[in-house]
Amino acid sequence: MNGNRFFSAAAVGTAIAALFGGAVAGSPDAHAGVAAGGLYTVIAYSPITGYTGWANNASTMEEATHIALGNCQPHGSGCQVTSWAHNGCAALALGSGRWGGAWGANAGAAQANALAMVRAGRIVELHCTG
């Protein structure tokens, strides 16, 4: 869905959220079962423009973040990391004028976690390593 626009007038207010801010779930590395090394996936989103960008299977968090933001920023300002995963999945949900980004050990968990952050939401991005 890279380059797709998702509009939500109320979502513009969330643009103030800092990088890794907003409704982002906790760090995957803070949870048991995440292996050292491995691959990263990152989803970036601009509540201002509605565009997204992502990176899959990057070898470092820095590389994945650079790629995801680089895929989002050409479409306008306001891009920020909404979710990321280390050896797992990241999802972005939009709904009720809000966004929710979350990670999970698998696609179903990432989707459920992201949807839990918004009312009447839908998944607009889902990316898994591997």
Protein backbone atom coordinates (compact mmCIF):
# COMPACT_ATOMS: atom_id res chain seq x y z
CA MET A 1 0.00 0.00 0.00
CA ASN A 2 3.00 2.29 -0.25
CA GLY A 3 1.91 5.68 -1.45
CA ASN A 4 -1.74 5.13 -0.67
CA ARG A 5 -3.60 8.00 0.94
CA PHE A 6 -5.80 7.52 3.95
CA PHE A 7 -7.85 10.56 4.87
CA SER A 8 -9.15 11.42 8.29
CA ALA A 9 -9.66 15.09 9.11
CA ALA A 10 -9.42 14.48 12.83
CA ALA A 11 -6.18 12.53 12.36
CA VAL A 12 -4.41 15.78 11.51
CA GLY A 13 -4.44 16.58 15.20
CA THR A 14 -2.26 13.55 15.90
CA ALA A 15 0.51 15.04 13.76
CA ILE A 16 1.84 16.69 16.90
CA ALA A 17 2.81 13.28 18.28
CA ALA A 18 6.56 12.82 18.42
CA LEU A 19 8.51 10.19 16.55
CA PHE A 20 7.59 6.87 18.14
CA GLY A 21 4.74 8.76 19.79
CA GLY A 22 1.04 8.68 19.31
CA ALA A 23 -0.62 5.36 19.86
CA VAL A 24 2.42 3.14 19.39
CA ALA A 25 2.55 -0.12 21.29
CA GLY A 26 5.54 -0.90 23.49
CA SER A 27 8.89 -1.97 22.14
CA PRO A 28 9.00 -5.57 20.92
CA ASP A 29 12.47 -5.90 22.42
CA ALA A 30 10.95 -5.28 25.84
CA HIS A 31 8.98 -8.50 25.55
CA ALA A 32 10.24 -12.01 26.22
CA GLY A 33 10.82 -14.29 23.27
CA VAL A 34 12.36 -11.76 20.90
CA ALA A 35 15.61 -13.21 19.60
CA ALA A 36 18.81 -11.20 19.32
CA GLY A 37 19.80 -10.29 15.76
CA GLY A 38 17.23 -10.99 13.11
CA LEU A 39 15.13 -8.67 10.98
CA TYR A 40 13.17 -5.45 11.46
CA THR A 41 10.01 -4.06 9.88
CA VAL A 42 8.83 -0.45 10.31
CA ILE A 43 5.64 1.35 9.26
CA ALA A 44 5.60 5.15 8.90
CA TYR A 45 2.45 7.25 8.47
CA SER A 46 1.63 10.92 7.96
CA PRO A 47 -1.66 11.96 9.54
CA ILE A 48 -1.32 15.19 7.56
CA THR A 49 -1.18 13.63 4.08
CA GLY A 50 -2.53 10.15 4.74
CA TYR A 51 0.45 8.51 3.06
CA THR A 52 2.36 5.54 4.43
CA GLY A 53 5.79 4.04 3.92
CA TRP A 54 7.41 0.88 5.23
CA ALA A 55 10.47 -1.31 5.30
CA ASN A 56 10.61 -5.08 5.59
CA ASN A 57 13.48 -7.38 6.52
CA ALA A 58 16.03 -4.69 7.36
CA SER A 59 19.05 -5.84 9.32
CA THR A 60 18.91 -2.92 11.80
CA MET A 61 16.23 -0.73 13.29
CA GLU A 62 18.05 2.35 11.96
CA GLU A 63 17.99 0.98 8.41
CA ALA A 64 14.30 0.05 8.61
CA THR A 65 13.35 3.45 10.01
CA HIS A 66 15.36 5.27 7.32
CA ILE A 67 13.69 3.27 4.54
CA ALA A 68 10.14 3.58 5.94
CA LEU A 69 10.40 7.34 6.47
CA GLY A 70 12.09 7.68 3.09
CA ASN A 71 9.13 5.98 1.43
CA CYS A 72 6.62 8.22 3.22
CA GLN A 73 8.28 11.66 3.15
CA PRO A 74 8.26 12.23 -0.64
CA HIS A 75 4.46 12.50 -0.38
CA GLY A 76 4.49 15.36 2.15
CA SER A 77 5.25 16.32 5.71
CA GLY A 78 4.27 14.76 9.01
CA CYS A 79 5.67 11.24 8.53
CA GLN A 80 6.37 9.40 11.75
CA VAL A 81 7.05 5.84 12.80
CA THR A 82 3.78 4.29 13.93
CA SER A 83 4.87 0.72 14.56
CA TRP A 84 7.83 -1.58 14.28
CA ALA A 85 8.76 -5.15 14.98
CA HIS A 86 11.91 -7.16 15.52
CA ASN A 87 11.39 -10.68 14.18
CA GLY A 88 7.63 -10.18 14.07
CA CYS A 89 4.84 -8.16 12.50
CA ALA A 90 3.82 -4.49 12.60
CA ALA A 91 0.35 -3.12 11.84
CA LEU A 92 -1.28 0.29 11.40
CA ALA A 93 -4.99 0.83 12.00
CA LEU A 94 -7.04 3.94 11.26
CA GLY A 95 -10.43 4.72 12.73
CA SER A 96 -12.53 7.36 14.48
CA GLY A 97 -10.06 10.11 13.63
CA ARG A 98 -7.15 8.28 15.26
CA TRP A 99 -4.40 5.89 14.31
CA GLY A 100 -2.97 2.98 16.23
CA GLY A 101 0.31 1.25 15.53
CA ALA A 102 1.31 -2.01 17.17
CA TRP A 103 3.47 -5.06 16.83
CA GLY A 104 2.84 -8.74 17.41
CA ALA A 105 4.64 -12.07 17.18
CA ASN A 106 2.41 -12.88 14.18
CA ALA A 107 0.09 -11.06 11.78
CA GLY A 108 -3.07 -11.77 13.79
CA ALA A 109 -1.56 -10.43 17.02
CA ALA A 110 -0.24 -7.26 15.36
CA GLN A 111 -3.64 -6.57 13.77
CA ALA A 112 -5.53 -7.16 17.02
CA ASN A 113 -3.14 -4.93 18.97
CA ALA A 114 -3.42 -2.08 16.45
CA LEU A 115 -7.21 -2.34 16.24
CA ALA A 116 -7.44 -2.22 20.03
CA MET A 117 -6.05 1.34 19.89
CA VAL A 118 -8.83 2.78 17.70
CA ARG A 119 -12.61 2.61 17.69
CA ALA A 120 -14.33 1.39 14.52
CA GLY A 121 -10.93 0.94 12.90
CA ARG A 122 -9.50 -0.94 9.99
CA ILE A 123 -6.02 -2.24 9.24
CA VAL A 124 -4.37 -0.20 6.46
CA GLU A 125 -0.85 -1.63 6.69
CA LEU A 126 0.50 -4.98 7.88
CA HIS A 127 4.10 -6.09 7.43
CA CYS A 128 5.99 -9.05 8.83
CA THR A 129 9.64 -10.01 8.80
CA GLY A 130 10.75 -13.23 7.23
